[in-house]
Amino acid sequence: MIPDFYDPCGAAEADERRTIHLQAARDIVPPALAAAWEDHTRARSGDPAGTLYPTEAVPVWLPEWLPVAVDGGGGGLFTDLRPGQLHGCVVPFTRTGHDRAPRWPGITEMLTDVADRLQSLNANEAVTMTVGHWTPPRG
Protein backbone atom coordinates (compact mmCIF):
# COMPACT_ATOMS: atom_id res chain seq x y z
CA MET A 1 0.00 0.00 0.00
CA ILE A 2 2.96 2.36 0.36
CA PRO A 3 4.50 3.81 -2.81
CA ASP A 4 6.67 2.32 -4.45
CA PHE A 5 5.33 -1.19 -3.90
CA TYR A 6 6.07 -1.44 -0.18
CA ASP A 7 3.83 -3.44 2.12
CA PRO A 8 3.72 -2.52 5.82
CA CYS A 9 5.07 -5.10 8.26
CA GLY A 10 3.74 -5.82 11.72
CA ALA A 11 5.75 -5.58 14.91
CA ALA A 12 6.85 -9.23 14.99
CA GLU A 13 7.91 -9.18 11.33
CA ALA A 14 9.75 -5.87 11.83
CA ASP A 15 11.71 -7.28 14.77
CA GLU A 16 12.49 -10.50 12.86
CA ARG A 17 13.69 -8.57 9.79
CA ARG A 18 15.85 -6.27 11.91
CA THR A 19 17.52 -9.35 13.43
CA ILE A 20 18.11 -10.81 9.95
CA HIS A 21 19.64 -7.55 8.66
CA LEU A 22 21.95 -7.28 11.67
CA GLN A 23 23.07 -10.90 11.28
CA ALA A 24 23.60 -10.54 7.51
CA ALA A 25 25.87 -7.54 8.10
CA ARG A 26 27.89 -9.57 10.63
CA ASP A 27 28.08 -12.59 8.31
CA ILE A 28 29.75 -10.72 5.44
CA VAL A 29 32.50 -9.20 7.58
CA PRO A 30 35.67 -11.34 7.68
CA PRO A 31 36.24 -12.82 11.16
CA ALA A 32 39.50 -10.90 11.57
CA LEU A 33 37.56 -7.63 11.20
CA ALA A 34 34.53 -8.59 13.32
CA ALA A 35 35.58 -6.63 16.42
CA ALA A 36 36.41 -3.53 14.34
CA TRP A 37 33.03 -3.83 12.59
CA GLU A 38 31.20 -4.04 15.91
CA ASP A 39 33.08 -0.92 17.11
CA HIS A 40 32.21 0.85 13.86
CA THR A 41 28.53 -0.09 14.15
CA ARG A 42 28.42 0.94 17.82
CA ALA A 43 29.93 4.32 16.90
CA ARG A 44 27.35 4.83 14.11
CA SER A 45 24.59 4.07 16.62
CA GLY A 46 25.69 7.23 18.43
CA ASP A 47 25.21 9.44 15.37
CA PRO A 48 22.03 11.54 15.18
CA ALA A 49 18.94 10.08 13.53
CA GLY A 50 18.95 10.62 9.78
CA THR A 51 22.71 10.20 9.47
CA LEU A 52 23.09 7.68 6.65
CA TYR A 53 25.98 5.70 5.18
CA PRO A 54 25.09 4.83 1.56
CA THR A 55 28.70 4.65 0.37
CA GLU A 56 30.07 2.21 2.97
CA ALA A 57 31.93 -0.76 1.46
CA VAL A 58 29.77 -3.12 3.53
CA PRO A 59 26.06 -2.28 3.92
CA VAL A 60 25.49 -0.84 7.38
CA TRP A 61 22.50 -1.92 9.43
CA LEU A 62 22.07 -0.46 12.90
CA PRO A 63 20.06 -1.91 15.79
CA GLU A 64 18.18 1.42 15.92
CA TRP A 65 16.84 0.95 12.38
CA LEU A 66 13.48 -0.77 12.45
CA PRO A 67 11.95 -2.08 9.20
CA VAL A 68 8.42 -0.74 8.73
CA ALA A 69 7.67 -1.96 5.19
CA VAL A 70 9.02 -4.52 2.72
CA ASP A 71 9.11 -4.81 -1.06
CA GLY A 72 9.37 -8.58 -1.50
CA GLY A 73 12.88 -8.34 -2.95
CA GLY A 74 14.96 -7.90 0.20
CA GLY A 75 14.38 -4.17 0.45
CA GLY A 76 11.89 -1.89 2.07
CA LEU A 77 11.68 1.05 4.43
CA PHE A 78 13.10 1.52 7.90
CA THR A 79 12.51 4.12 10.57
CA ASP A 80 15.59 5.54 12.30
CA LEU A 81 15.03 5.37 16.06
CA ARG A 82 18.26 7.08 17.11
CA PRO A 83 17.87 10.36 19.02
CA GLY A 84 18.09 13.59 17.08
CA GLN A 85 16.10 16.05 15.03
CA LEU A 86 15.21 13.37 12.44
CA HIS A 87 14.17 10.72 15.02
CA GLY A 88 11.60 8.49 13.34
CA CYS A 89 12.47 9.43 9.74
CA VAL A 90 11.68 6.80 7.09
CA VAL A 91 14.44 5.64 4.71
CA PRO A 92 14.25 3.30 1.68
CA PHE A 93 16.75 0.42 1.60
CA THR A 94 17.73 -2.44 -0.70
CA ARG A 95 19.78 -5.59 -0.18
CA THR A 96 22.94 -3.61 -0.97
CA GLY A 97 22.41 -0.46 1.09
CA HIS A 98 20.07 2.45 1.63
CA ASP A 99 19.19 5.84 0.20
CA ARG A 100 21.24 8.97 0.82
CA ALA A 101 18.37 10.78 2.56
CA PRO A 102 15.10 9.99 4.33
CA ARG A 103 12.02 9.84 2.12
CA TRP A 104 9.60 10.97 4.84
CA PRO A 105 10.29 12.74 8.14
CA GLY A 106 8.24 10.11 9.99
CA ILE A 107 5.69 7.33 9.77
CA THR A 108 2.80 9.76 10.27
CA GLU A 109 3.91 11.74 7.21
CA MET A 110 4.37 8.54 5.22
CA LEU A 111 0.84 7.35 6.04
CA THR A 112 -0.57 10.83 5.36
CA ASP A 113 1.11 10.71 1.94
CA VAL A 114 -0.53 7.32 1.25
CA ALA A 115 -3.95 8.60 2.38
CA ASP A 116 -3.61 11.78 0.29
CA ARG A 117 -2.67 9.76 -2.79
CA LEU A 118 -5.63 7.42 -2.30
CA GLN A 119 -8.03 10.33 -1.80
CA SER A 120 -6.75 12.00 -4.97
CA LEU A 121 -7.70 9.02 -7.14
CA ASN A 122 -10.40 9.84 -9.65
CA ALA A 123 -13.27 7.35 -9.22
CA ASN A 124 -13.65 7.15 -13.01
CA GLU A 125 -9.93 6.64 -13.65
CA ALA A 126 -8.53 3.17 -14.28
CA VAL A 127 -6.02 2.26 -11.57
CA THR A 128 -3.87 -0.86 -11.62
CA MET A 129 -4.57 -2.90 -8.50
CA THR A 130 -3.07 -6.13 -7.28
CA VAL A 131 -3.37 -7.76 -3.90
CA GLY A 132 -1.27 -5.76 -1.47
CA HIS A 133 -0.16 -3.16 -4.03
CA TRP A 134 -1.57 -0.11 -5.76
CA THR A 135 -0.26 2.16 -8.43
CA PRO A 136 -1.24 5.81 -8.12
CA PRO A 137 -2.25 7.56 -11.33
CA ARG A 138 0.52 9.39 -13.14
CA GLY A 139 0.14 13.02 -13.94
C-alpha atoms as a PDB file:
ATOM      1  CA  MET A   1       0.000   0.000   0.000  1.00  0.00           C
ATOM      2  CA  ILE A   2       2.962   2.358   0.365  1.00  0.00           C
ATOM      3  CA  PRO A   3       4.501   3.811  -2.813  1.00  0.00           C
ATOM      4  CA  ASP A   4       6.674   2.316  -4.449  1.00  0.00           C
ATOM      5  CA  PHE A   5       5.327  -1.193  -3.898  1.00  0.00           C
ATOM      6  CA  TYR A   6       6.070  -1.435  -0.182  1.00  0.00           C
ATOM      7  CA  ASP A   7       3.833  -3.439   2.122  1.00  0.00           C
ATOM      8  CA  PRO A   8       3.723  -2.516   5.821  1.00  0.00           C
ATOM      9  CA  CYS A   9       5.069  -5.103   8.255  1.00  0.00           C
ATOM     10  CA  GLY A  10       3.739  -5.815  11.717  1.00  0.00           C
ATOM     11  CA  ALA A  11       5.755  -5.577  14.908  1.00  0.00           C
ATOM     12  CA  ALA A  12       6.849  -9.235  14.987  1.00  0.00           C
ATOM     13  CA  GLU A  13       7.910  -9.180  11.329  1.00  0.00           C
ATOM     14  CA  ALA A  14       9.746  -5.871  11.831  1.00  0.00           C
ATOM     15  CA  ASP A  15      11.706  -7.283  14.766  1.00  0.00           C
ATOM     16  CA  GLU A  16      12.486 -10.497  12.857  1.00  0.00           C
ATOM     17  CA  ARG A  17      13.688  -8.573   9.793  1.00  0.00           C
ATOM     18  CA  ARG A  18      15.855  -6.267  11.911  1.00  0.00           C
ATOM     19  CA  THR A  19      17.515  -9.345  13.431  1.00  0.00           C
ATOM     20  CA  ILE A  20      18.107 -10.811   9.954  1.00  0.00           C
ATOM     21  CA  HIS A  21      19.645  -7.549   8.663  1.00  0.00           C
ATOM     22  CA  LEU A  22      21.949  -7.282  11.674  1.00  0.00           C
ATOM     23  CA  GLN A  23      23.073 -10.903  11.276  1.00  0.00           C
ATOM     24  CA  ALA A  24      23.597 -10.535   7.514  1.00  0.00           C
ATOM     25  CA  ALA A  25      25.873  -7.542   8.099  1.00  0.00           C
ATOM     26  CA  ARG A  26      27.892  -9.571  10.633  1.00  0.00           C
ATOM     27  CA  ASP A  27      28.077 -12.587   8.310  1.00  0.00           C
ATOM     28  CA  ILE A  28      29.749 -10.722   5.443  1.00  0.00           C
ATOM     29  CA  VAL A  29      32.503  -9.199   7.577  1.00  0.00           C
ATOM     30  CA  PRO A  30      35.672 -11.343   7.677  1.00  0.00           C
ATOM     31  CA  PRO A  31      36.235 -12.822  11.156  1.00  0.00           C
ATOM     32  CA  ALA A  32      39.499 -10.900  11.572  1.00  0.00           C
ATOM     33  CA  LEU A  33      37.561  -7.632  11.205  1.00  0.00           C
ATOM     34  CA  ALA A  34      34.527  -8.587  13.320  1.00  0.00           C
ATOM     35  CA  ALA A  35      35.584  -6.627  16.421  1.00  0.00           C
ATOM     36  CA  ALA A  36      36.408  -3.533  14.344  1.00  0.00           C
ATOM     37  CA  TRP A  37      33.032  -3.826  12.586  1.00  0.00           C
ATOM     38  CA  GLU A  38      31.204  -4.039  15.915  1.00  0.00           C
ATOM     39  CA  ASP A  39      33.080  -0.923  17.113  1.00  0.00           C
ATOM     40  CA  HIS A  40      32.214   0.851  13.858  1.00  0.00           C
ATOM     41  CA  THR A  41      28.533  -0.087  14.152  1.00  0.00           C
ATOM     42  CA  ARG A  42      28.417   0.940  17.821  1.00  0.00           C
ATOM     43  CA  ALA A  43      29.931   4.325  16.903  1.00  0.00           C
ATOM     44  CA  ARG A  44      27.350   4.828  14.109  1.00  0.00           C
ATOM     45  CA  SER A  45      24.593   4.072  16.617  1.00  0.00           C
ATOM     46  CA  GLY A  46      25.693   7.230  18.432  1.00  0.00           C
ATOM     47  CA  ASP A  47      25.212   9.437  15.367  1.00  0.00           C
ATOM     48  CA  PRO A  48      22.033  11.536  15.177  1.00  0.00           C
ATOM     49  CA  ALA A  49      18.936  10.078  13.528  1.00  0.00           C
ATOM     50  CA  GLY A  50      18.946  10.621   9.781  1.00  0.00           C
ATOM     51  CA  THR A  51      22.713  10.197   9.469  1.00  0.00           C
ATOM     52  CA  LEU A  52      23.085   7.680   6.654  1.00  0.00           C
ATOM     53  CA  TYR A  53      25.982   5.701   5.175  1.00  0.00           C
ATOM     54  CA  PRO A  54      25.089   4.832   1.561  1.00  0.00           C
ATOM     55  CA  THR A  55      28.699   4.645   0.369  1.00  0.00           C
ATOM     56  CA  GLU A  56      30.070   2.212   2.970  1.00  0.00           C
ATOM     57  CA  ALA A  57      31.930  -0.761   1.456  1.00  0.00           C
ATOM     58  CA  VAL A  58      29.770  -3.116   3.532  1.00  0.00           C
ATOM     59  CA  PRO A  59      26.064  -2.283   3.920  1.00  0.00           C
ATOM     60  CA  VAL A  60      25.494  -0.842   7.376  1.00  0.00           C
ATOM     61  CA  TRP A  61      22.497  -1.920   9.433  1.00  0.00           C
ATOM     62  CA  LEU A  62      22.070  -0.460  12.898  1.00  0.00           C
ATOM     63  CA  PRO A  63      20.064  -1.907  15.793  1.00  0.00           C
ATOM     64  CA  GLU A  64      18.177   1.417  15.919  1.00  0.00           C
ATOM     65  CA  TRP A  65      16.840   0.946  12.381  1.00  0.00           C
ATOM     66  CA  LEU A  66      13.476  -0.774  12.449  1.00  0.00           C
ATOM     67  CA  PRO A  67      11.952  -2.080   9.198  1.00  0.00           C
ATOM     68  CA  VAL A  68       8.424  -0.745   8.730  1.00  0.00           C
ATOM     69  CA  ALA A  69       7.668  -1.962   5.194  1.00  0.00           C
ATOM     70  CA  VAL A  70       9.024  -4.521   2.719  1.00  0.00           C
ATOM     71  CA  ASP A  71       9.115  -4.808  -1.064  1.00  0.00           C
ATOM     72  CA  GLY A  72       9.371  -8.583  -1.499  1.00  0.00           C
ATOM     73  CA  GLY A  73      12.883  -8.344  -2.948  1.00  0.00           C
ATOM     74  CA  GLY A  74      14.962  -7.899   0.196  1.00  0.00           C
ATOM     75  CA  GLY A  75      14.383  -4.169   0.445  1.00  0.00           C
ATOM     76  CA  GLY A  76      11.895  -1.885   2.075  1.00  0.00           C
ATOM     77  CA  LEU A  77      11.677   1.046   4.426  1.00  0.00           C
ATOM     78  CA  PHE A  78      13.104   1.523   7.896  1.00  0.00           C
ATOM     79  CA  THR A  79      12.511   4.115  10.567  1.00  0.00           C
ATOM     80  CA  ASP A  80      15.587   5.542  12.302  1.00  0.00           C
ATOM     81  CA  LEU A  81      15.030   5.372  16.065  1.00  0.00           C
ATOM     82  CA  ARG A  82      18.261   7.083  17.114  1.00  0.00           C
ATOM     83  CA  PRO A  83      17.875  10.356  19.020  1.00  0.00           C
ATOM     84  CA  GLY A  84      18.093  13.594  17.080  1.00  0.00           C
ATOM     85  CA  GLN A  85      16.095  16.049  15.033  1.00  0.00           C
ATOM     86  CA  LEU A  86      15.211  13.369  12.443  1.00  0.00           C
ATOM     87  CA  HIS A  87      14.173  10.722  15.023  1.00  0.00           C
ATOM     88  CA  GLY A  88      11.599   8.487  13.338  1.00  0.00           C
ATOM     89  CA  CYS A  89      12.471   9.427   9.742  1.00  0.00           C
ATOM     90  CA  VAL A  90      11.682   6.801   7.087  1.00  0.00           C
ATOM     91  CA  VAL A  91      14.440   5.637   4.713  1.00  0.00           C
ATOM     92  CA  PRO A  92      14.253   3.296   1.682  1.00  0.00           C
ATOM     93  CA  PHE A  93      16.750   0.417   1.604  1.00  0.00           C
ATOM     94  CA  THR A  94      17.729  -2.442  -0.699  1.00  0.00           C
ATOM     95  CA  ARG A  95      19.783  -5.594  -0.176  1.00  0.00           C
ATOM     96  CA  THR A  96      22.938  -3.611  -0.973  1.00  0.00           C
ATOM     97  CA  GLY A  97      22.406  -0.459   1.085  1.00  0.00           C
ATOM     98  CA  HIS A  98      20.075   2.453   1.630  1.00  0.00           C
ATOM     99  CA  ASP A  99      19.192   5.844   0.201  1.00  0.00           C
ATOM    100  CA  ARG A 100      21.241   8.971   0.824  1.00  0.00           C
ATOM    101  CA  ALA A 101      18.368  10.777   2.561  1.00  0.00           C
ATOM    102  CA  PRO A 102      15.101   9.986   4.331  1.00  0.00           C
ATOM    103  CA  ARG A 103      12.017   9.845   2.123  1.00  0.00           C
ATOM    104  CA  TRP A 104       9.598  10.974   4.838  1.00  0.00           C
ATOM    105  CA  PRO A 105      10.289  12.745   8.145  1.00  0.00           C
ATOM    106  CA  GLY A 106       8.239  10.111   9.991  1.00  0.00           C
ATOM    107  CA  ILE A 107       5.688   7.330   9.769  1.00  0.00           C
ATOM    108  CA  THR A 108       2.800   9.761  10.267  1.00  0.00           C
ATOM    109  CA  GLU A 109       3.909  11.743   7.210  1.00  0.00           C
ATOM    110  CA  MET A 110       4.369   8.540   5.222  1.00  0.00           C
ATOM    111  CA  LEU A 111       0.842   7.346   6.038  1.00  0.00           C
ATOM    112  CA  THR A 112      -0.570  10.830   5.365  1.00  0.00           C
ATOM    113  CA  ASP A 113       1.106  10.707   1.935  1.00  0.00           C
ATOM    114  CA  VAL A 114      -0.529   7.318   1.253  1.00  0.00           C
ATOM    115  CA  ALA A 115      -3.948   8.598   2.382  1.00  0.00           C
ATOM    116  CA  ASP A 116      -3.612  11.779   0.291  1.00  0.00           C
ATOM    117  CA  ARG A 117      -2.674   9.756  -2.789  1.00  0.00           C
ATOM    118  CA  LEU A 118      -5.629   7.417  -2.296  1.00  0.00           C
ATOM    119  CA  GLN A 119      -8.026  10.327  -1.804  1.00  0.00           C
ATOM    120  CA  SER A 120      -6.749  12.001  -4.966  1.00  0.00           C
ATOM    121  CA  LEU A 121      -7.699   9.024  -7.137  1.00  0.00           C
ATOM    122  CA  ASN A 122     -10.397   9.836  -9.650  1.00  0.00           C
ATOM    123  CA  ALA A 123     -13.268   7.354  -9.220  1.00  0.00           C
ATOM    124  CA  ASN A 124     -13.647   7.151 -13.006  1.00  0.00           C
ATOM    125  CA  GLU A 125      -9.932   6.636 -13.654  1.00  0.00           C
ATOM    126  CA  ALA A 126      -8.530   3.166 -14.275  1.00  0.00           C
ATOM    127  CA  VAL A 127      -6.024   2.258 -11.572  1.00  0.00           C
ATOM    128  CA  THR A 128      -3.868  -0.857 -11.619  1.00  0.00           C
ATOM    129  CA  MET A 129      -4.570  -2.899  -8.496  1.00  0.00           C
ATOM    130  CA  THR A 130      -3.067  -6.133  -7.285  1.00  0.00           C
ATOM    131  CA  VAL A 131      -3.375  -7.755  -3.901  1.00  0.00           C
ATOM    132  CA  GLY A 132      -1.269  -5.761  -1.473  1.00  0.00           C
ATOM    133  CA  HIS A 133      -0.160  -3.155  -4.031  1.00  0.00           C
ATOM    134  CA  TRP A 134      -1.568  -0.113  -5.758  1.00  0.00           C
ATOM    135  CA  THR A 135      -0.258   2.161  -8.431  1.00  0.00           C
ATOM    136  CA  PRO A 136      -1.239   5.811  -8.123  1.00  0.00           C
ATOM    137  CA  PRO A 137      -2.249   7.565 -11.326  1.00  0.00           C
ATOM    138  CA  ARG A 138       0.520   9.391 -13.138  1.00  0.00           C
ATOM    139  CA  GLY A 139       0.140  13.024 -13.939  1.00  0.00           C
END
